[in-house]
Structure formats: structure tokens, C-alpha cells
Amino acid sequence: MATVTKKELVARIAAQTGQTKVVTKDILQRFLDEIISELAQGNRLEFREFGVFETKERDPRRAQNPRTLEKVDVPAKRVVKFKVGRMMRKRVTDEFGGTAS
């Protein structure tokens, strides 16, 4: 399994579209910044067939430090959730010979 960086994605997209890497990187970064901005405002982002990004409130809870076994309070927080879309699920499971769950 390989790790693909933003730089590598920029190079691929630039080659496929004929745009410069500078323009492609700027567009990709603006896209990512907009996703972050919308999620920070509590908005839901839906990309058909790809998936849905949304935020969810996590309730406060009691946890335990595994080393000291000390009980600690974990405050409520907002987390980002991603639900995989149909096309992504199919492509990823087909690539690994698995079945969709």
C-alpha cells in the first residue's frame, strides 16, 4: 500500500488537464479549504456517488488512562464523519476482490 501526497495528486491532475502544477495546486487547495470552511460552519457536504462529509457532536464522557488507570473527563466535541458513496464503495471493494458491506 502506498501513500499518495497532495503534490503527487497535483502532478497527475496537471498532466491530465494540461494545466500548470501551480494552477492545479491552487485549485485543489481552495477546494480543500472550502470543505474545511463548510464543515467548520456545521454544514453537510454531499458529493454524489463519492460520499458525504458532516460533523457530529460527541457527548462528554468518562475515560480511563490505560497506564495509570486514572479516570479522566473527556469534554464534548465536534468530529467530522465521512460516509462512503456508492461508486467509491464499489470501486474500492472491486479493487480488493471483496464484497460491499
PDB file of N, CA and C in Angstrom:
ATOM      1  N   MET A   1       0.852  -1.171   0.000  1.00  0.00           N
ATOM      2  CA  MET A   1       0.000   0.000   0.000  1.00  0.00           C
ATOM      3  C   MET A   1       0.900   1.237   0.000  1.00  0.00           C
ATOM      4  N   ALA A   2       0.595   2.179  -0.862  1.00  0.00           N
ATOM      5  CA  ALA A   2       1.394   3.392  -0.992  1.00  0.00           C
ATOM      6  C   ALA A   2       0.645   4.587  -0.415  1.00  0.00           C
ATOM      7  N   THR A   3       1.395   5.589  -0.015  1.00  0.00           N
ATOM      8  CA  THR A   3       0.820   6.857   0.421  1.00  0.00           C
ATOM      9  C   THR A   3       0.957   7.834  -0.732  1.00  0.00           C
ATOM     10  N   VAL A   4      -0.154   8.434  -1.129  1.00  0.00           N
ATOM     11  CA  VAL A   4      -0.150   9.418  -2.211  1.00  0.00           C
ATOM     12  C   VAL A   4      -0.281  10.796  -1.572  1.00  0.00           C
ATOM     13  N   THR A   5       0.627  11.690  -1.913  1.00  0.00           N
ATOM     14  CA  THR A   5       0.615  13.039  -1.335  1.00  0.00           C
ATOM     15  C   THR A   5      -0.168  13.992  -2.227  1.00  0.00           C
ATOM     16  N   LYS A   6      -0.465  15.160  -1.659  1.00  0.00           N
ATOM     17  CA  LYS A   6      -1.151  16.200  -2.432  1.00  0.00           C
ATOM     18  C   LYS A   6      -0.292  16.590  -3.634  1.00  0.00           C
ATOM     19  N   LYS A   7       1.013  16.650  -3.443  1.00  0.00           N
ATOM     20  CA  LYS A   7       1.938  17.000  -4.524  1.00  0.00           C
ATOM     21  C   LYS A   7       1.809  16.027  -5.692  1.00  0.00           C
ATOM     22  N   GLU A   8       1.708  14.738  -5.390  1.00  0.00           N
ATOM     23  CA  GLU A   8       1.549  13.726  -6.442  1.00  0.00           C
ATOM     24  C   GLU A   8       0.205  13.865  -7.145  1.00  0.00           C
ATOM     25  N   LEU A   9      -0.847  14.125  -6.379  1.00  0.00           N
ATOM     26  CA  LEU A   9      -2.164  14.327  -6.992  1.00  0.00           C
ATOM     27  C   LEU A   9      -2.148  15.543  -7.911  1.00  0.00           C
ATOM     28  N   VAL A  10      -1.511  16.615  -7.458  1.00  0.00           N
ATOM     29  CA  VAL A  10      -1.407  17.825  -8.271  1.00  0.00           C
ATOM     30  C   VAL A  10      -0.708  17.509  -9.585  1.00  0.00           C
ATOM     31  N   ALA A  11       0.392  16.771  -9.523  1.00  0.00           N
ATOM     32  CA  ALA A  11       1.142  16.421 -10.740  1.00  0.00           C
ATOM     33  C   ALA A  11       0.279  15.598 -11.700  1.00  0.00           C
ATOM     34  N   ARG A  12      -0.461  14.633 -11.177  1.00  0.00           N
ATOM     35  CA  ARG A  12      -1.336  13.795 -12.021  1.00  0.00           C
ATOM     36  C   ARG A  12      -2.430  14.619 -12.685  1.00  0.00           C
ATOM     37  N   ILE A  13      -3.107  15.425 -11.876  1.00  0.00           N
ATOM     38  CA  ILE A  13      -4.219  16.228 -12.399  1.00  0.00           C
ATOM     39  C   ILE A  13      -3.712  17.242 -13.411  1.00  0.00           C
ATOM     40  N   ALA A  14      -2.574  17.865 -13.126  1.00  0.00           N
ATOM     41  CA  ALA A  14      -1.995  18.836 -14.062  1.00  0.00           C
ATOM     42  C   ALA A  14      -1.678  18.162 -15.394  1.00  0.00           C
ATOM     43  N   ALA A  15      -1.122  16.970 -15.351  1.00  0.00           N
ATOM     44  CA  ALA A  15      -0.788  16.238 -16.584  1.00  0.00           C
ATOM     45  C   ALA A  15      -2.049  15.868 -17.368  1.00  0.00           C
ATOM     46  N   GLN A  16      -3.091  15.469 -16.650  1.00  0.00           N
ATOM     47  CA  GLN A  16      -4.334  15.052 -17.312  1.00  0.00           C
ATOM     48  C   GLN A  16      -5.100  16.225 -17.902  1.00  0.00           C
ATOM     49  N   THR A  17      -5.005  17.401 -17.280  1.00  0.00           N
ATOM     50  CA  THR A  17      -5.798  18.542 -17.724  1.00  0.00           C
ATOM     51  C   THR A  17      -5.027  19.532 -18.580  1.00  0.00           C
ATOM     52  N   GLY A  18      -3.709  19.416 -18.586  1.00  0.00           N
ATOM     53  CA  GLY A  18      -2.905  20.366 -19.346  1.00  0.00           C
ATOM     54  C   GLY A  18      -2.695  21.680 -18.617  1.00  0.00           C
ATOM     55  N   GLN A  19      -3.141  21.765 -17.374  1.00  0.00           N
ATOM     56  CA  GLN A  19      -2.926  22.962 -16.557  1.00  0.00           C
ATOM     57  C   GLN A  19      -1.537  22.893 -15.922  1.00  0.00           C
ATOM     58  N   THR A  20      -1.037  24.040 -15.477  1.00  0.00           N
ATOM     59  CA  THR A  20       0.241  24.027 -14.776  1.00  0.00           C
ATOM     60  C   THR A  20       0.038  23.457 -13.378  1.00  0.00           C
ATOM     61  N   LYS A  21       1.130  23.002 -12.789  1.00  0.00           N
ATOM     62  CA  LYS A  21       1.058  22.483 -11.425  1.00  0.00           C
ATOM     63  C   LYS A  21       0.671  23.585 -10.446  1.00  0.00           C
ATOM     64  N   VAL A  22       1.127  24.809 -10.695  1.00  0.00           N
ATOM     65  CA  VAL A  22       0.816  25.927  -9.799  1.00  0.00           C
ATOM     66  C   VAL A  22      -0.692  26.189  -9.783  1.00  0.00           C
ATOM     67  N   VAL A  23      -1.314  26.239 -10.958  1.00  0.00           N
ATOM     68  CA  VAL A  23      -2.758  26.474 -11.043  1.00  0.00           C
ATOM     69  C   VAL A  23      -3.515  25.304 -10.424  1.00  0.00           C
ATOM     70  N   THR A  24      -3.093  24.106 -10.750  1.00  0.00           N
ATOM     71  CA  THR A  24      -3.761  22.908 -10.228  1.00  0.00           C
ATOM     72  C   THR A  24      -3.665  22.847  -8.706  1.00  0.00           C
ATOM     73  N   LYS A  25      -2.490  23.158  -8.164  1.00  0.00           N
ATOM     74  CA  LYS A  25      -2.313  23.138  -6.708  1.00  0.00           C
ATOM     75  C   LYS A  25      -3.208  24.182  -6.051  1.00  0.00           C
ATOM     76  N   ASP A  26      -3.297  25.364  -6.648  1.00  0.00           N
ATOM     77  CA  ASP A  26      -4.140  26.428  -6.109  1.00  0.00           C
ATOM     78  C   ASP A  26      -5.606  26.005  -6.092  1.00  0.00           C
ATOM     79  N   ILE A  27      -6.074  25.408  -7.168  1.00  0.00           N
ATOM     80  CA  ILE A  27      -7.473  24.957  -7.241  1.00  0.00           C
ATOM     81  C   ILE A  27      -7.732  23.864  -6.214  1.00  0.00           C
ATOM     82  N   LEU A  28      -6.836  22.891  -6.142  1.00  0.00           N
ATOM     83  CA  LEU A  28      -7.013  21.796  -5.188  1.00  0.00           C
ATOM     84  C   LEU A  28      -7.009  22.317  -3.752  1.00  0.00           C
ATOM     85  N   GLN A  29      -6.094  23.238  -3.446  1.00  0.00           N
ATOM     86  CA  GLN A  29      -6.028  23.784  -2.089  1.00  0.00           C
ATOM     87  C   GLN A  29      -7.282  24.578  -1.760  1.00  0.00           C
ATOM     88  N   ARG A  30      -7.771  25.357  -2.720  1.00  0.00           N
ATOM     89  CA  ARG A  30      -9.002  26.120  -2.482  1.00  0.00           C
ATOM     90  C   ARG A  30     -10.184  25.179  -2.239  1.00  0.00           C
ATOM     91  N   PHE A  31     -10.244  24.077  -2.984  1.00  0.00           N
ATOM     92  CA  PHE A  31     -11.293  23.077  -2.804  1.00  0.00           C
ATOM     93  C   PHE A  31     -11.230  22.503  -1.383  1.00  0.00           C
ATOM     94  N   LEU A  32     -10.040  22.115  -0.940  1.00  0.00           N
ATOM     95  CA  LEU A  32      -9.888  21.570   0.406  1.00  0.00           C
ATOM     96  C   LEU A  32     -10.225  22.608   1.471  1.00  0.00           C
ATOM     97  N   ASP A  33      -9.792  23.853   1.249  1.00  0.00           N
ATOM     98  CA  ASP A  33     -10.107  24.929   2.198  1.00  0.00           C
ATOM     99  C   ASP A  33     -11.616  25.151   2.304  1.00  0.00           C
ATOM    100  N   GLU A  34     -12.324  25.070   1.192  1.00  0.00           N
ATOM    101  CA  GLU A  34     -13.786  25.240   1.208  1.00  0.00           C
ATOM    102  C   GLU A  34     -14.468  24.109   1.962  1.00  0.00           C
ATOM    103  N   ILE A  35     -13.972  22.890   1.812  1.00  0.00           N
ATOM    104  CA  ILE A  35     -14.527  21.762   2.570  1.00  0.00           C
ATOM    105  C   ILE A  35     -14.366  22.027   4.058  1.00  0.00           C
ATOM    106  N   ILE A  36     -13.174  22.433   4.461  1.00  0.00           N
ATOM    107  CA  ILE A  36     -12.911  22.715   5.871  1.00  0.00           C
ATOM    108  C   ILE A  36     -13.809  23.848   6.367  1.00  0.00           C
ATOM    109  N   SER A  37     -13.928  24.900   5.577  1.00  0.00           N
ATOM    110  CA  SER A  37     -14.743  26.050   5.963  1.00  0.00           C
ATOM    111  C   SER A  37     -16.209  25.656   6.153  1.00  0.00           C
ATOM    112  N   GLU A  38     -16.747  24.893   5.227  1.00  0.00           N
ATOM    113  CA  GLU A  38     -18.150  24.470   5.333  1.00  0.00           C
ATOM    114  C   GLU A  38     -18.374  23.571   6.545  1.00  0.00           C
ATOM    115  N   LEU A  39     -17.455  22.648   6.793  1.00  0.00           N
ATOM    116  CA  LEU A  39     -17.590  21.768   7.957  1.00  0.00           C
ATOM    117  C   LEU A  39     -17.472  22.567   9.252  1.00  0.00           C
ATOM    118  N   ALA A  40     -16.589  23.563   9.275  1.00  0.00           N
ATOM    119  CA  ALA A  40     -16.429  24.403  10.465  1.00  0.00           C
ATOM    120  C   ALA A  40     -17.711  25.170  10.770  1.00  0.00           C
ATOM    121  N   GLN A  41     -18.487  25.490   9.738  1.00  0.00           N
ATOM    122  CA  GLN A  41     -19.763  26.183   9.921  1.00  0.00           C
ATOM    123  C   GLN A  41     -20.891  25.216  10.272  1.00  0.00           C
ATOM    124  N   GLY A  42     -20.581  23.922  10.319  1.00  0.00           N
ATOM    125  CA  GLY A  42     -21.587  22.927  10.664  1.00  0.00           C
ATOM    126  C   GLY A  42     -22.390  22.435   9.480  1.00  0.00           C
ATOM    127  N   ASN A  43     -21.957  22.777   8.269  1.00  0.00           N
ATOM    128  CA  ASN A  43     -22.670  22.357   7.066  1.00  0.00           C
ATOM    129  C   ASN A  43     -22.294  20.943   6.651  1.00  0.00           C
ATOM    130  N   ARG A  44     -23.174  20.322   5.913  1.00  0.00           N
ATOM    131  CA  ARG A  44     -23.005  18.972   5.383  1.00  0.00           C
ATOM    132  C   ARG A  44     -22.609  19.102   3.922  1.00  0.00           C
ATOM    133  N   LEU A  45     -21.605  18.339   3.487  1.00  0.00           N
ATOM    134  CA  LEU A  45     -21.179  18.359   2.088  1.00  0.00           C
ATOM    135  C   LEU A  45     -21.479  17.015   1.448  1.00  0.00           C
ATOM    136  N   GLU A  46     -22.215  17.052   0.373  1.00  0.00           N
ATOM    137  CA  GLU A  46     -22.588  15.820  -0.314  1.00  0.00           C
ATOM    138  C   GLU A  46     -22.035  15.836  -1.728  1.00  0.00           C
ATOM    139  N   PHE A  47     -21.207  14.839  -2.021  1.00  0.00           N
ATOM    140  CA  PHE A  47     -20.670  14.648  -3.364  1.00  0.00           C
ATOM    141  C   PHE A  47     -21.253  13.339  -3.871  1.00  0.00           C
ATOM    142  N   ARG A  48     -22.238  13.442  -4.745  1.00  0.00           N
ATOM    143  CA  ARG A  48     -22.957  12.256  -5.239  1.00  0.00           C
ATOM    144  C   ARG A  48     -21.987  11.184  -5.708  1.00  0.00           C
ATOM    145  N   GLU A  49     -22.280   9.960  -5.355  1.00  0.00           N
ATOM    146  CA  GLU A  49     -21.510   8.766  -5.705  1.00  0.00           C
ATOM    147  C   GLU A  49     -20.158   8.690  -4.987  1.00  0.00           C
ATOM    148  N   PHE A  50     -19.662   9.815  -4.462  1.00  0.00           N
ATOM    149  CA  PHE A  50     -18.369   9.822  -3.765  1.00  0.00           C
ATOM    150  C   PHE A  50     -18.569   9.612  -2.268  1.00  0.00           C
ATOM    151  N   GLY A  51     -19.368  10.505  -1.652  1.00  0.00           N
ATOM    152  CA  GLY A  51     -19.613  10.377  -0.229  1.00  0.00           C
ATOM    153  C   GLY A  51     -20.118  11.664   0.382  1.00  0.00           C
ATOM    154  N   VAL A  52     -20.332  11.617   1.688  1.00  0.00           N
ATOM    155  CA  VAL A  52     -20.885  12.749   2.427  1.00  0.00           C
ATOM    156  C   VAL A  52     -19.988  13.052   3.623  1.00  0.00           C
ATOM    157  N   PHE A  53     -19.600  14.321   3.747  1.00  0.00           N
ATOM    158  CA  PHE A  53     -18.879  14.812   4.922  1.00  0.00           C
ATOM    159  C   PHE A  53     -19.882  15.546   5.791  1.00  0.00           C
ATOM    160  N   GLU A  54     -19.853  15.289   7.096  1.00  0.00           N
ATOM    161  CA  GLU A  54     -20.697  16.029   8.015  1.00  0.00           C
ATOM    162  C   GLU A  54     -20.050  16.032   9.393  1.00  0.00           C
ATOM    163  N   THR A  55     -20.498  16.947  10.228  1.00  0.00           N
ATOM    164  CA  THR A  55     -19.978  16.990  11.591  1.00  0.00           C
ATOM    165  C   THR A  55     -21.009  16.404  12.539  1.00  0.00           C
ATOM    166  N   LYS A  56     -20.513  15.881  13.639  1.00  0.00           N
ATOM    167  CA  LYS A  56     -21.376  15.283  14.646  1.00  0.00           C
ATOM    168  C   LYS A  56     -20.860  15.691  16.015  1.00  0.00           C
ATOM    169  N   GLU A  57     -21.785  15.967  16.914  1.00  0.00           N
ATOM    170  CA  GLU A  57     -21.407  16.290  18.293  1.00  0.00           C
ATOM    171  C   GLU A  57     -21.173  14.997  19.065  1.00  0.00           C
ATOM    172  N   ARG A  58     -20.044  14.915  19.724  1.00  0.00           N
ATOM    173  CA  ARG A  58     -19.774  13.791  20.617  1.00  0.00           C
ATOM    174  C   ARG A  58     -20.076  14.246  22.029  1.00  0.00           C
ATOM    175  N   ASP A  59     -20.821  13.448  22.759  1.00  0.00           N
ATOM    176  CA  ASP A  59     -21.173  13.771  24.136  1.00  0.00           C
ATOM    177  C   ASP A  59     -19.941  13.699  25.036  1.00  0.00           C
ATOM    178  N   PRO A  60     -19.950  14.446  26.134  1.00  0.00           N
ATOM    179  CA  PRO A  60     -18.843  14.312  27.091  1.00  0.00           C
ATOM    180  C   PRO A  60     -18.900  12.912  27.703  1.00  0.00           C
ATOM    181  N   ARG A  61     -17.743  12.429  28.132  1.00  0.00           N
ATOM    182  CA  ARG A  61     -17.711  11.071  28.694  1.00  0.00           C
ATOM    183  C   ARG A  61     -16.574  10.929  29.686  1.00  0.00           C
ATOM    184  N   ARG A  62     -16.613   9.832  30.421  1.00  0.00           N
ATOM    185  CA  ARG A  62     -15.516   9.473  31.335  1.00  0.00           C
ATOM    186  C   ARG A  62     -14.658   8.447  30.621  1.00  0.00           C
ATOM    187  N   ALA A  63     -13.352   8.651  30.648  1.00  0.00           N
ATOM    188  CA  ALA A  63     -12.422   7.700  30.048  1.00  0.00           C
ATOM    189  C   ALA A  63     -11.403   7.300  31.101  1.00  0.00           C
ATOM    190  N   GLN A  64     -10.557   6.369  30.725  1.00  0.00           N
ATOM    191  CA  GLN A  64      -9.564   5.888  31.678  1.00  0.00           C
ATOM    192  C   GLN A  64      -8.200   5.869  31.014  1.00  0.00           C
ATOM    193  N   ASN A  65      -7.217   6.440  31.687  1.00  0.00           N
ATOM    194  CA  ASN A  65      -5.850   6.394  31.207  1.00  0.00           C
ATOM    195  C   ASN A  65      -5.364   4.946  31.348  1.00  0.00           C
ATOM    196  N   PRO A  66      -4.991   4.291  30.241  1.00  0.00           N
ATOM    197  CA  PRO A  66      -4.615   2.876  30.323  1.00  0.00           C
ATOM    198  C   PRO A  66      -3.348   2.613  31.137  1.00  0.00           C
ATOM    199  N   ARG A  67      -2.465   3.598  31.248  1.00  0.00           N
ATOM    200  CA  ARG A  67      -1.234   3.396  32.024  1.00  0.00           C
ATOM    201  C   ARG A  67      -1.465   3.520  33.521  1.00  0.00           C
ATOM    202  N   THR A  68      -2.188   4.586  33.903  1.00  0.00           N
ATOM    203  CA  THR A  68      -2.363   4.855  35.334  1.00  0.00           C
ATOM    204  C   THR A  68      -3.713   4.394  35.864  1.00  0.00           C
ATOM    205  N   LEU A  69      -4.615   4.040  34.958  1.00  0.00           N
ATOM    206  CA  LEU A  69      -5.985   3.651  35.289  1.00  0.00           C
ATOM    207  C   LEU A  69      -6.773   4.792  35.931  1.00  0.00           C
ATOM    208  N   GLU A  70      -6.228   6.008  35.816  1.00  0.00           N
ATOM    209  CA  GLU A  70      -6.898   7.194  36.351  1.00  0.00           C
ATOM    210  C   GLU A  70      -8.091   7.558  35.470  1.00  0.00           C
ATOM    211  N   LYS A  71      -9.213   7.873  36.105  1.00  0.00           N
ATOM    212  CA  LYS A  71     -10.414   8.308  35.392  1.00  0.00           C
ATOM    213  C   LYS A  71     -10.243   9.775  34.991  1.00  0.00           C
ATOM    214  N   VAL A  72     -10.591  10.087  33.743  1.00  0.00           N
ATOM    215  CA  VAL A  72     -10.494  11.463  33.263  1.00  0.00           C
ATOM    216  C   VAL A  72     -11.786  11.838  32.544  1.00  0.00           C
ATOM    217  N   ASP A  73     -12.135  13.123  32.629  1.00  0.00           N
ATOM    218  CA  ASP A  73     -13.309  13.614  31.923  1.00  0.00           C
ATOM    219  C   ASP A  73     -12.892  14.059  30.532  1.00  0.00           C
ATOM    220  N   VAL A  74     -13.612  13.584  29.526  1.00  0.00           N
ATOM    221  CA  VAL A  74     -13.376  13.995  28.140  1.00  0.00           C
ATOM    222  C   VAL A  74     -14.537  14.914  27.768  1.00  0.00           C
ATOM    223  N   PRO A  75     -14.237  16.162  27.406  1.00  0.00           N
ATOM    224  CA  PRO A  75     -15.322  17.110  27.103  1.00  0.00           C
ATOM    225  C   PRO A  75     -16.030  16.775  25.793  1.00  0.00           C
ATOM    226  N   ALA A  76     -17.200  17.352  25.622  1.00  0.00           N
ATOM    227  CA  ALA A  76     -17.935  17.198  24.364  1.00  0.00           C
ATOM    228  C   ALA A  76     -17.107  17.830  23.254  1.00  0.00           C
ATOM    229  N   LYS A  77     -17.218  17.286  22.055  1.00  0.00           N
ATOM    230  CA  LYS A  77     -16.503  17.873  20.924  1.00  0.00           C
ATOM    231  C   LYS A  77     -17.216  17.545  19.628  1.00  0.00           C
ATOM    232  N   ARG A  78     -16.876  18.314  18.619  1.00  0.00           N
ATOM    233  CA  ARG A  78     -17.450  18.098  17.295  1.00  0.00           C
ATOM    234  C   ARG A  78     -16.423  17.344  16.455  1.00  0.00           C
ATOM    235  N   VAL A  79     -16.863  16.289  15.783  1.00  0.00           N
ATOM    236  CA  VAL A  79     -15.968  15.480  14.956  1.00  0.00           C
ATOM    237  C   VAL A  79     -16.514  15.410  13.530  1.00  0.00           C
ATOM    238  N   VAL A  80     -15.617  15.167  12.589  1.00  0.00           N
ATOM    239  CA  VAL A  80     -16.007  15.033  11.185  1.00  0.00           C
ATOM    240  C   VAL A  80     -16.269  13.567  10.891  1.00  0.00           C
ATOM    241  N   LYS A  81     -17.380  13.316  10.237  1.00  0.00           N
ATOM    242  CA  LYS A  81     -17.733  11.954   9.817  1.00  0.00           C
ATOM    243  C   LYS A  81     -17.771  11.928   8.295  1.00  0.00           C
ATOM    244  N   PHE A  82     -17.401  10.803   7.716  1.00  0.00           N
ATOM    245  CA  PHE A  82     -17.466  10.625   6.270  1.00  0.00           C
ATOM    246  C   PHE A  82     -18.197   9.335   5.992  1.00  0.00           C
ATOM    247  N   LYS A  83     -19.229   9.423   5.168  1.00  0.00           N
ATOM    248  CA  LYS A  83     -19.972   8.238   4.755  1.00  0.00           C
ATOM    249  C   LYS A  83     -19.642   7.994   3.291  1.00  0.00           C
ATOM    250  N   VAL A  84     -19.136   6.818   3.001  1.00  0.00           N
ATOM    251  CA  VAL A  84     -18.696   6.471   1.659  1.00  0.00           C
ATOM    252  C   VAL A  84     -19.886   6.384   0.710  1.00  0.00           C
ATOM    253  N   GLY A  85     -19.720   6.937  -0.485  1.00  0.00           N
ATOM    254  CA  GLY A  85     -20.753   6.876  -1.513  1.00  0.00           C
ATOM    255  C   GLY A  85     -20.732   5.555  -2.256  1.00  0.00           C
ATOM    256  N   ARG A  86     -21.768   5.323  -3.019  1.00  0.00           N
ATOM    257  CA  ARG A  86     -21.962   4.064  -3.732  1.00  0.00           C
ATOM    258  C   ARG A  86     -20.818   3.749  -4.706  1.00  0.00           C
ATOM    259  N   MET A  87     -20.447   4.716  -5.546  1.00  0.00           N
ATOM    260  CA  MET A  87     -19.414   4.458  -6.542  1.00  0.00           C
ATOM    261  C   MET A  87     -18.064   4.170  -5.870  1.00  0.00           C
ATOM    262  N   MET A  88     -17.715   4.946  -4.845  1.00  0.00           N
ATOM    263  CA  MET A  88     -16.449   4.700  -4.163  1.00  0.00           C
ATOM    264  C   MET A  88     -16.441   3.327  -3.510  1.00  0.00           C
ATOM    265  N   ARG A  89     -17.523   2.985  -2.831  1.00  0.00           N
ATOM    266  CA  ARG A  89     -17.604   1.680  -2.174  1.00  0.00           C
ATOM    267  C   ARG A  89     -17.414   0.560  -3.194  1.00  0.00           C
ATOM    268  N   LYS A  90     -18.090   0.678  -4.331  1.00  0.00           N
ATOM    269  CA  LYS A  90     -17.996  -0.361  -5.355  1.00  0.00           C
ATOM    270  C   LYS A  90     -16.581  -0.456  -5.910  1.00  0.00           C
ATOM    271  N   ARG A  91     -15.984   0.677  -6.258  1.00  0.00           N
ATOM    272  CA  ARG A  91     -14.632   0.666  -6.838  1.00  0.00           C
ATOM    273  C   ARG A  91     -13.601   0.127  -5.857  1.00  0.00           C
ATOM    274  N   VAL A  92     -13.689   0.542  -4.595  1.00  0.00           N
ATOM    275  CA  VAL A  92     -12.704   0.101  -3.616  1.00  0.00           C
ATOM    276  C   VAL A  92     -12.862  -1.389  -3.331  1.00  0.00           C
ATOM    277  N   THR A  93     -14.078  -1.854  -3.163  1.00  0.00           N
ATOM    278  CA  THR A  93     -14.264  -3.282  -2.870  1.00  0.00           C
ATOM    279  C   THR A  93     -13.934  -4.138  -4.081  1.00  0.00           C
ATOM    280  N   ASP A  94     -14.231  -3.665  -5.303  1.00  0.00           N
ATOM    281  CA  ASP A  94     -13.888  -4.422  -6.506  1.00  0.00           C
ATOM    282  C   ASP A  94     -12.379  -4.549  -6.674  1.00  0.00           C
ATOM    283  N   GLU A  95     -11.651  -3.487  -6.330  1.00  0.00           N
ATOM    284  CA  GLU A  95     -10.181  -3.493  -6.452  1.00  0.00           C
ATOM    285  C   GLU A  95      -9.559  -4.558  -5.554  1.00  0.00           C
ATOM    286  N   PHE A  96     -10.155  -4.828  -4.402  1.00  0.00           N
ATOM    287  CA  PHE A  96      -9.590  -5.778  -3.466  1.00  0.00           C
ATOM    288  C   PHE A  96     -10.308  -7.132  -3.502  1.00  0.00           C
ATOM    289  N   GLY A  97     -11.196  -7.292  -4.460  1.00  0.00           N
ATOM    290  CA  GLY A  97     -11.875  -8.579  -4.603  1.00  0.00           C
ATOM    291  C   GLY A  97     -12.830  -8.897  -3.483  1.00  0.00           C
ATOM    292  N   GLY A  98     -13.194  -7.891  -2.708  1.00  0.00           N
ATOM    293  CA  GLY A  98     -14.117  -8.097  -1.588  1.00  0.00           C
ATOM    294  C   GLY A  98     -15.554  -7.847  -2.029  1.00  0.00           C
ATOM    295  N   THR A  99     -16.431  -7.938  -1.066  1.00  0.00           N
ATOM    296  CA  THR A  99     -17.832  -7.640  -1.341  1.00  0.00           C
ATOM    297  C   THR A  99     -18.221  -6.423  -0.553  1.00  0.00           C
ATOM    298  N   ALA A 100     -19.160  -5.664  -1.085  1.00  0.00           N
ATOM    299  CA  ALA A 100     -19.619  -4.454  -0.388  1.00  0.00           C
ATOM    300  C   ALA A 100     -20.382  -4.851   0.864  1.00  0.00           C
ATOM    301  N   SER A 101     -20.128  -4.124   1.964  1.00  0.00           N
ATOM    302  CA  SER A 101     -20.869  -4.423   3.184  1.00  0.00           C
ATOM    303  C   SER A 101     -21.812  -3.323   3.518  1.00  0.00           C
TER     304      SER A 101
END
